Amino acid sequence: MNNSIVEILLIEDDEHDAEMTIRALQKSRITNGVVHLKDGSQALQFLFGTGEFAGRNVNMKPKVILLDLKMPKVDGIEVLQQIKSNELTKKIPVVVLTSSKENPDIDTCYALGANSYIVKPVDFAGFMEAIAHSGMYWVMLNQFPQQSKVS
């Protein structure tokens, strides 16, 4: 996994939600290159090639990041802030995928540069549909800017 192509970086601590997300992406046939990380600390190490991901080619960026907010170690808002404040990662689209409908979270995420904010539907069918549409848009339809590279 160190230098393989990553199309979707899923940062989600809830194993059930992660499995449902991956299943919805599989149903939409967009699961090539999905990497699931379980907390914000691990995600930052992956994106910046540090810690357990030291030596990973950080120029191999995901096409989109699906980010939960409520996570252990480093929460999603801190992860979003670090992603959007770093020249290497700031152009990567970040879709906040969370159960939080709290207005301060929504406003904060958009102020930090989130590209989309999706509240996870409670029912299974709604969840599957939301993920499928989101994945299809960001991986298949969205046009990406040229990414910055680290030399």
N, C-alpha and C. Protein backbone atom coordinates (compact mmCIF):
# COMPACT_ATOMS: atom_id res chain seq x y z
N MET A 1 0.82 -1.20 0.00
CA MET A 1 0.00 0.00 0.00
C MET A 1 0.86 1.25 0.00
N ASN A 2 2.11 1.18 0.35
CA ASN A 2 2.92 2.38 0.50
C ASN A 2 2.84 3.35 -0.66
N ASN A 3 2.98 2.87 -1.89
CA ASN A 3 3.01 3.79 -3.01
C ASN A 3 1.97 3.45 -4.07
N SER A 4 0.92 2.75 -3.68
CA SER A 4 -0.12 2.42 -4.64
C SER A 4 -1.07 3.60 -4.82
N ILE A 5 -1.85 3.54 -5.90
CA ILE A 5 -2.79 4.61 -6.20
C ILE A 5 -3.92 4.61 -5.17
N VAL A 6 -4.22 5.79 -4.67
CA VAL A 6 -5.31 5.97 -3.73
C VAL A 6 -6.30 6.92 -4.37
N GLU A 7 -7.48 6.41 -4.68
CA GLU A 7 -8.52 7.29 -5.24
C GLU A 7 -9.37 7.88 -4.14
N ILE A 8 -9.72 7.06 -3.16
CA ILE A 8 -10.56 7.52 -2.06
C ILE A 8 -9.88 7.19 -0.75
N LEU A 9 -9.69 8.20 0.08
CA LEU A 9 -9.17 8.00 1.42
C LEU A 9 -10.35 8.15 2.37
N LEU A 10 -10.72 7.06 3.01
CA LEU A 10 -11.84 7.03 3.95
C LEU A 10 -11.27 7.10 5.36
N ILE A 11 -11.60 8.17 6.07
CA ILE A 11 -11.12 8.35 7.44
C ILE A 11 -12.34 8.24 8.35
N GLU A 12 -12.50 7.07 8.96
CA GLU A 12 -13.72 6.74 9.71
C GLU A 12 -13.37 5.77 10.83
N ASP A 13 -13.68 6.13 12.07
CA ASP A 13 -13.37 5.26 13.20
C ASP A 13 -14.42 4.19 13.46
N ASP A 14 -15.65 4.41 13.03
CA ASP A 14 -16.72 3.44 13.25
C ASP A 14 -16.64 2.35 12.18
N GLU A 15 -16.33 1.14 12.61
CA GLU A 15 -16.12 0.03 11.67
C GLU A 15 -17.38 -0.26 10.85
N HIS A 16 -18.55 -0.18 11.48
CA HIS A 16 -19.81 -0.43 10.78
C HIS A 16 -20.03 0.60 9.67
N ASP A 17 -19.83 1.88 9.99
CA ASP A 17 -19.99 2.93 8.98
C ASP A 17 -18.97 2.78 7.86
N ALA A 18 -17.76 2.41 8.21
CA ALA A 18 -16.71 2.20 7.19
C ALA A 18 -17.09 1.05 6.26
N GLU A 19 -17.57 -0.05 6.82
CA GLU A 19 -17.98 -1.20 6.00
C GLU A 19 -19.13 -0.82 5.07
N MET A 20 -20.11 -0.08 5.59
CA MET A 20 -21.24 0.34 4.76
C MET A 20 -20.77 1.29 3.65
N THR A 21 -19.85 2.17 3.96
CA THR A 21 -19.32 3.11 2.96
C THR A 21 -18.61 2.34 1.85
N ILE A 22 -17.76 1.42 2.24
CA ILE A 22 -17.02 0.62 1.24
C ILE A 22 -17.99 -0.22 0.41
N ARG A 23 -19.00 -0.78 1.05
CA ARG A 23 -20.01 -1.57 0.32
C ARG A 23 -20.75 -0.70 -0.70
N ALA A 24 -21.10 0.52 -0.30
CA ALA A 24 -21.80 1.43 -1.23
C ALA A 24 -20.89 1.80 -2.40
N LEU A 25 -19.62 2.00 -2.13
CA LEU A 25 -18.68 2.31 -3.20
C LEU A 25 -18.51 1.12 -4.14
N GLN A 26 -18.48 -0.09 -3.56
CA GLN A 26 -18.38 -1.30 -4.38
C GLN A 26 -19.59 -1.44 -5.28
N LYS A 27 -20.75 -1.16 -4.73
CA LYS A 27 -21.99 -1.25 -5.51
C LYS A 27 -21.95 -0.27 -6.69
N SER A 28 -21.27 0.85 -6.52
CA SER A 28 -21.15 1.85 -7.58
C SER A 28 -19.93 1.58 -8.47
N ARG A 29 -19.22 0.52 -8.17
CA ARG A 29 -18.04 0.10 -8.93
C ARG A 29 -16.93 1.15 -8.92
N ILE A 30 -16.74 1.77 -7.75
CA ILE A 30 -15.65 2.74 -7.62
C ILE A 30 -14.80 2.43 -6.39
N THR A 31 -14.39 1.18 -6.26
CA THR A 31 -13.61 0.80 -5.09
C THR A 31 -12.13 0.62 -5.37
N ASN A 32 -11.69 0.84 -6.60
CA ASN A 32 -10.25 0.75 -6.84
C ASN A 32 -9.55 1.84 -6.05
N GLY A 33 -8.57 1.45 -5.26
CA GLY A 33 -7.78 2.44 -4.55
C GLY A 33 -8.43 3.06 -3.34
N VAL A 34 -9.34 2.35 -2.66
CA VAL A 34 -9.92 2.87 -1.41
C VAL A 34 -9.01 2.46 -0.26
N VAL A 35 -8.62 3.44 0.54
CA VAL A 35 -7.83 3.19 1.74
C VAL A 35 -8.66 3.66 2.92
N HIS A 36 -8.84 2.76 3.90
CA HIS A 36 -9.60 3.09 5.11
C HIS A 36 -8.63 3.27 6.27
N LEU A 37 -8.67 4.43 6.91
CA LEU A 37 -7.89 4.70 8.10
C LEU A 37 -8.84 5.00 9.25
N LYS A 38 -8.45 4.59 10.46
CA LYS A 38 -9.39 4.58 11.58
C LYS A 38 -9.33 5.76 12.54
N ASP A 39 -8.37 6.66 12.36
CA ASP A 39 -8.36 7.85 13.21
C ASP A 39 -7.60 8.97 12.53
N GLY A 40 -7.75 10.16 13.07
CA GLY A 40 -7.15 11.34 12.47
C GLY A 40 -5.64 11.35 12.48
N SER A 41 -5.05 10.80 13.52
CA SER A 41 -3.59 10.73 13.61
C SER A 41 -3.03 9.86 12.49
N GLN A 42 -3.62 8.71 12.30
CA GLN A 42 -3.20 7.79 11.23
C GLN A 42 -3.37 8.47 9.86
N ALA A 43 -4.45 9.20 9.68
CA ALA A 43 -4.72 9.89 8.41
C ALA A 43 -3.64 10.93 8.11
N LEU A 44 -3.27 11.71 9.11
CA LEU A 44 -2.24 12.74 8.90
C LEU A 44 -0.89 12.09 8.61
N GLN A 45 -0.58 11.00 9.29
CA GLN A 45 0.67 10.28 9.00
C GLN A 45 0.66 9.77 7.56
N PHE A 46 -0.46 9.26 7.10
CA PHE A 46 -0.58 8.76 5.73
C PHE A 46 -0.39 9.90 4.73
N LEU A 47 -1.11 10.98 4.91
CA LEU A 47 -1.06 12.09 3.96
C LEU A 47 0.31 12.76 3.88
N PHE A 48 1.00 12.84 5.01
CA PHE A 48 2.27 13.55 5.05
C PHE A 48 3.49 12.62 5.10
N GLY A 49 3.26 11.30 5.00
CA GLY A 49 4.36 10.35 4.93
C GLY A 49 5.22 10.29 6.17
N THR A 50 4.57 10.28 7.34
CA THR A 50 5.29 10.22 8.60
C THR A 50 4.84 9.00 9.40
N GLY A 51 5.46 8.77 10.56
CA GLY A 51 5.07 7.68 11.45
C GLY A 51 5.05 6.34 10.74
N GLU A 52 3.95 5.61 10.88
CA GLU A 52 3.86 4.28 10.26
C GLU A 52 3.87 4.33 8.74
N PHE A 53 3.68 5.51 8.16
CA PHE A 53 3.69 5.67 6.70
C PHE A 53 4.93 6.41 6.20
N ALA A 54 5.97 6.47 7.03
CA ALA A 54 7.23 7.11 6.62
C ALA A 54 7.73 6.45 5.35
N GLY A 55 8.12 7.26 4.39
CA GLY A 55 8.62 6.73 3.13
C GLY A 55 7.55 6.59 2.05
N ARG A 56 6.28 6.75 2.43
CA ARG A 56 5.22 6.68 1.43
C ARG A 56 5.37 7.86 0.48
N ASN A 57 5.14 7.64 -0.80
CA ASN A 57 5.23 8.71 -1.78
C ASN A 57 4.04 9.66 -1.58
N VAL A 58 4.28 10.81 -0.97
CA VAL A 58 3.21 11.75 -0.66
C VAL A 58 2.67 12.45 -1.90
N ASN A 59 3.33 12.28 -3.04
CA ASN A 59 2.81 12.83 -4.28
C ASN A 59 1.69 11.97 -4.85
N MET A 60 1.49 10.78 -4.32
CA MET A 60 0.38 9.90 -4.70
C MET A 60 -0.81 10.30 -3.81
N LYS A 61 -1.54 11.30 -4.28
CA LYS A 61 -2.63 11.86 -3.47
C LYS A 61 -3.97 11.22 -3.83
N PRO A 62 -4.86 11.13 -2.85
CA PRO A 62 -6.20 10.63 -3.17
C PRO A 62 -6.96 11.64 -4.02
N LYS A 63 -7.93 11.14 -4.80
CA LYS A 63 -8.80 12.04 -5.57
C LYS A 63 -9.78 12.74 -4.65
N VAL A 64 -10.15 12.07 -3.57
CA VAL A 64 -11.09 12.65 -2.61
C VAL A 64 -10.86 12.01 -1.25
N ILE A 65 -11.13 12.79 -0.21
CA ILE A 65 -11.06 12.30 1.17
C ILE A 65 -12.47 12.34 1.74
N LEU A 66 -12.93 11.20 2.25
CA LEU A 66 -14.20 11.13 2.99
C LEU A 66 -13.82 11.15 4.46
N LEU A 67 -14.24 12.18 5.18
CA LEU A 67 -13.76 12.45 6.53
C LEU A 67 -14.87 12.51 7.55
N ASP A 68 -14.76 11.65 8.56
CA ASP A 68 -15.66 11.72 9.71
C ASP A 68 -15.14 12.80 10.65
N LEU A 69 -16.00 13.39 11.46
CA LEU A 69 -15.57 14.43 12.38
C LEU A 69 -15.22 13.90 13.77
N LYS A 70 -16.06 13.06 14.30
CA LYS A 70 -15.90 12.60 15.68
C LYS A 70 -15.03 11.35 15.71
N MET A 71 -13.71 11.57 15.92
CA MET A 71 -12.76 10.46 15.93
C MET A 71 -11.81 10.58 17.10
N PRO A 72 -11.21 9.45 17.49
CA PRO A 72 -10.22 9.48 18.57
C PRO A 72 -8.89 10.07 18.10
N LYS A 73 -8.05 10.38 19.05
CA LYS A 73 -6.69 10.92 18.85
C LYS A 73 -6.71 12.32 18.25
N VAL A 74 -7.04 12.44 16.96
CA VAL A 74 -7.13 13.75 16.31
C VAL A 74 -8.49 13.80 15.64
N ASP A 75 -9.32 14.78 16.00
CA ASP A 75 -10.68 14.82 15.42
C ASP A 75 -10.66 15.32 13.98
N GLY A 76 -11.77 15.14 13.30
CA GLY A 76 -11.88 15.47 11.90
C GLY A 76 -11.67 16.94 11.58
N ILE A 77 -12.08 17.82 12.47
CA ILE A 77 -11.89 19.25 12.23
C ILE A 77 -10.40 19.59 12.21
N GLU A 78 -9.63 19.02 13.12
CA GLU A 78 -8.18 19.24 13.13
C GLU A 78 -7.54 18.65 11.88
N VAL A 79 -7.98 17.47 11.46
CA VAL A 79 -7.46 16.85 10.23
C VAL A 79 -7.76 17.77 9.04
N LEU A 80 -9.00 18.24 8.94
CA LEU A 80 -9.38 19.15 7.85
C LEU A 80 -8.51 20.40 7.86
N GLN A 81 -8.30 20.97 9.03
CA GLN A 81 -7.49 22.18 9.14
C GLN A 81 -6.07 21.94 8.64
N GLN A 82 -5.49 20.81 9.02
CA GLN A 82 -4.12 20.51 8.59
C GLN A 82 -4.04 20.23 7.09
N ILE A 83 -5.04 19.54 6.57
CA ILE A 83 -5.07 19.26 5.12
C ILE A 83 -5.14 20.56 4.33
N LYS A 84 -6.07 21.43 4.70
CA LYS A 84 -6.32 22.64 3.92
C LYS A 84 -5.30 23.75 4.17
N SER A 85 -4.46 23.61 5.18
CA SER A 85 -3.45 24.64 5.43
C SER A 85 -2.06 24.23 4.92
N ASN A 86 -1.97 23.08 4.28
CA ASN A 86 -0.68 22.60 3.79
C ASN A 86 -0.67 22.63 2.26
N GLU A 87 0.36 23.21 1.69
CA GLU A 87 0.47 23.35 0.24
C GLU A 87 0.38 22.00 -0.48
N LEU A 88 0.91 20.96 0.13
CA LEU A 88 0.92 19.62 -0.47
C LEU A 88 -0.49 19.03 -0.63
N THR A 89 -1.39 19.34 0.30
CA THR A 89 -2.69 18.66 0.35
C THR A 89 -3.91 19.57 0.20
N LYS A 90 -3.73 20.86 0.16
CA LYS A 90 -4.88 21.76 0.22
C LYS A 90 -5.84 21.66 -0.96
N LYS A 91 -5.39 21.14 -2.11
CA LYS A 91 -6.28 21.03 -3.27
C LYS A 91 -7.06 19.71 -3.30
N ILE A 92 -6.76 18.80 -2.39
CA ILE A 92 -7.50 17.53 -2.36
C ILE A 92 -8.92 17.81 -1.87
N PRO A 93 -9.94 17.42 -2.63
CA PRO A 93 -11.31 17.62 -2.15
C PRO A 93 -11.58 16.81 -0.88
N VAL A 94 -12.18 17.46 0.09
CA VAL A 94 -12.54 16.81 1.34
C VAL A 94 -14.05 16.86 1.51
N VAL A 95 -14.66 15.68 1.61
CA VAL A 95 -16.09 15.56 1.86
C VAL A 95 -16.25 15.12 3.31
N VAL A 96 -16.82 15.99 4.12
CA VAL A 96 -17.10 15.64 5.50
C VAL A 96 -18.33 14.75 5.48
N LEU A 97 -18.19 13.57 6.05
CA LEU A 97 -19.25 12.57 6.09
C LEU A 97 -19.45 12.22 7.55
N THR A 98 -20.49 12.80 8.15
CA THR A 98 -20.63 12.72 9.60
C THR A 98 -22.08 12.62 10.03
N SER A 99 -22.28 12.29 11.28
CA SER A 99 -23.64 12.26 11.82
C SER A 99 -24.01 13.59 12.46
N SER A 100 -23.06 14.52 12.52
CA SER A 100 -23.29 15.81 13.18
C SER A 100 -24.04 16.79 12.28
N LYS A 101 -25.22 17.20 12.76
CA LYS A 101 -25.99 18.25 12.07
C LYS A 101 -25.78 19.59 12.75
N GLU A 102 -24.83 19.66 13.68
CA GLU A 102 -24.62 20.87 14.47
C GLU A 102 -24.09 22.00 13.60
N ASN A 103 -24.77 23.14 13.65
CA ASN A 103 -24.39 24.26 12.82
C ASN A 103 -22.96 24.73 13.06
N PRO A 104 -22.45 24.78 14.29
CA PRO A 104 -21.05 25.19 14.41
C PRO A 104 -20.10 24.27 13.63
N ASP A 105 -20.37 22.97 13.61
CA ASP A 105 -19.52 22.04 12.86
C ASP A 105 -19.60 22.33 11.36
N ILE A 106 -20.79 22.54 10.86
CA ILE A 106 -20.97 22.81 9.43
C ILE A 106 -20.24 24.10 9.04
N ASP A 107 -20.48 25.17 9.79
CA ASP A 107 -19.83 26.45 9.50
C ASP A 107 -18.31 26.35 9.59
N THR A 108 -17.82 25.68 10.62
CA THR A 108 -16.38 25.52 10.81
C THR A 108 -15.76 24.75 9.66
N CYS A 109 -16.39 23.67 9.25
CA CYS A 109 -15.83 22.86 8.16
C CYS A 109 -15.75 23.63 6.86
N TYR A 110 -16.80 24.36 6.53
CA TYR A 110 -16.76 25.15 5.30
C TYR A 110 -15.74 26.29 5.41
N ALA A 111 -15.63 26.91 6.57
CA ALA A 111 -14.65 27.98 6.77
C ALA A 111 -13.22 27.46 6.61
N LEU A 112 -13.00 26.19 6.98
CA LEU A 112 -11.67 25.60 6.86
C LEU A 112 -11.38 25.09 5.46
N GLY A 113 -12.40 25.03 4.59
CA GLY A 113 -12.16 24.63 3.21
C GLY A 113 -12.77 23.31 2.79
N ALA A 114 -13.68 22.75 3.59
CA ALA A 114 -14.35 21.52 3.17
C ALA A 114 -15.06 21.76 1.84
N ASN A 115 -15.04 20.75 0.98
CA ASN A 115 -15.68 20.88 -0.33
C ASN A 115 -17.14 20.46 -0.29
N SER A 116 -17.51 19.67 0.71
CA SER A 116 -18.89 19.21 0.86
C SER A 116 -19.08 18.74 2.29
N TYR A 117 -20.31 18.80 2.77
CA TYR A 117 -20.66 18.36 4.12
C TYR A 117 -21.91 17.52 4.00
N ILE A 118 -21.78 16.23 4.26
CA ILE A 118 -22.91 15.31 4.14
C ILE A 118 -23.21 14.70 5.50
N VAL A 119 -24.47 14.83 5.92
CA VAL A 119 -24.90 14.19 7.16
C VAL A 119 -25.33 12.77 6.80
N LYS A 120 -24.72 11.80 7.50
CA LYS A 120 -25.01 10.40 7.22
C LYS A 120 -26.49 10.12 7.48
N PRO A 121 -27.21 9.63 6.47
CA PRO A 121 -28.61 9.25 6.70
C PRO A 121 -28.67 8.09 7.70
N VAL A 122 -29.71 8.06 8.50
CA VAL A 122 -29.86 7.04 9.52
C VAL A 122 -30.23 5.69 8.90
N ASP A 123 -31.08 5.69 7.88
CA ASP A 123 -31.51 4.42 7.30
C ASP A 123 -30.48 3.89 6.31
N PHE A 124 -30.38 2.58 6.21
CA PHE A 124 -29.39 1.90 5.39
C PHE A 124 -29.48 2.30 3.92
N ALA A 125 -30.67 2.28 3.36
CA ALA A 125 -30.84 2.61 1.93
C ALA A 125 -30.40 4.05 1.64
N GLY A 126 -30.77 4.97 2.51
CA GLY A 126 -30.38 6.36 2.35
C GLY A 126 -28.87 6.55 2.45
N PHE A 127 -28.27 5.83 3.38
CA PHE A 127 -26.82 5.89 3.55
C PHE A 127 -26.11 5.39 2.29
N MET A 128 -26.56 4.24 1.79
CA MET A 128 -25.96 3.64 0.60
C MET A 128 -26.07 4.58 -0.60
N GLU A 129 -27.23 5.20 -0.76
CA GLU A 129 -27.45 6.10 -1.89
C GLU A 129 -26.58 7.36 -1.78
N ALA A 130 -26.49 7.92 -0.58
CA ALA A 130 -25.68 9.13 -0.37
C ALA A 130 -24.21 8.86 -0.69
N ILE A 131 -23.69 7.74 -0.25
CA ILE A 131 -22.29 7.39 -0.50
C ILE A 131 -22.07 7.13 -1.99
N ALA A 132 -22.97 6.38 -2.60
CA ALA A 132 -22.82 6.06 -4.02
C ALA A 132 -22.80 7.33 -4.87
N HIS A 133 -23.71 8.25 -4.61
CA HIS A 133 -23.76 9.50 -5.39
C HIS A 133 -22.52 10.36 -5.14
N SER A 134 -22.13 10.45 -3.89
CA SER A 134 -20.97 11.25 -3.55
C SER A 134 -19.70 10.68 -4.19
N GLY A 135 -19.50 9.39 -4.06
CA GLY A 135 -18.33 8.75 -4.65
C GLY A 135 -18.31 8.91 -6.16
N MET A 136 -19.44 8.70 -6.79
CA MET A 136 -19.54 8.82 -8.24
C MET A 136 -19.16 10.24 -8.68
N TYR A 137 -19.68 11.23 -8.00
CA TYR A 137 -19.38 12.61 -8.36
C TYR A 137 -17.88 12.91 -8.23
N TRP A 138 -17.32 12.66 -7.03
CA TRP A 138 -15.96 13.08 -6.75
C TRP A 138 -14.91 12.28 -7.51
N VAL A 139 -15.17 11.01 -7.76
CA VAL A 139 -14.16 10.18 -8.44
C VAL A 139 -14.34 10.19 -9.95
N MET A 140 -15.57 10.18 -10.44
CA MET A 140 -15.81 10.04 -11.87
C MET A 140 -16.08 11.35 -12.61
N LEU A 141 -16.77 12.29 -11.98
CA LEU A 141 -17.22 13.49 -12.69
C LEU A 141 -16.41 14.75 -12.42
N ASN A 142 -15.97 14.92 -11.19
CA ASN A 142 -15.27 16.14 -10.81
C ASN A 142 -13.94 16.27 -11.56
N GLN A 143 -13.63 17.49 -11.99
CA GLN A 143 -12.34 17.77 -12.63
C GLN A 143 -11.40 18.31 -11.56
N PHE A 144 -10.22 17.74 -11.50
CA PHE A 144 -9.27 18.08 -10.45
C PHE A 144 -8.22 19.06 -10.93
N PRO A 145 -7.80 19.99 -10.05
CA PRO A 145 -6.69 20.87 -10.41
C PRO A 145 -5.40 20.07 -10.37
N GLN A 146 -4.37 20.58 -11.01
CA GLN A 146 -3.08 19.91 -10.94
C GLN A 146 -2.59 20.03 -9.50
N GLN A 147 -2.17 18.90 -8.93
CA GLN A 147 -1.74 18.86 -7.53
C GLN A 147 -0.30 19.37 -7.38
N SER A 148 -0.04 20.00 -6.25
CA SER A 148 1.32 20.42 -5.92
C SER A 148 2.14 19.19 -5.59
N LYS A 149 3.40 19.22 -5.94
CA LYS A 149 4.29 18.09 -5.66
C LYS A 149 5.39 18.54 -4.71
N VAL A 150 5.86 17.57 -3.92
CA VAL A 150 6.98 17.82 -3.03
C VAL A 150 8.22 17.30 -3.73
N SER A 151 9.29 18.07 -3.70
CA SER A 151 10.49 17.58 -4.35
C SER A 151 11.43 16.93 -3.37
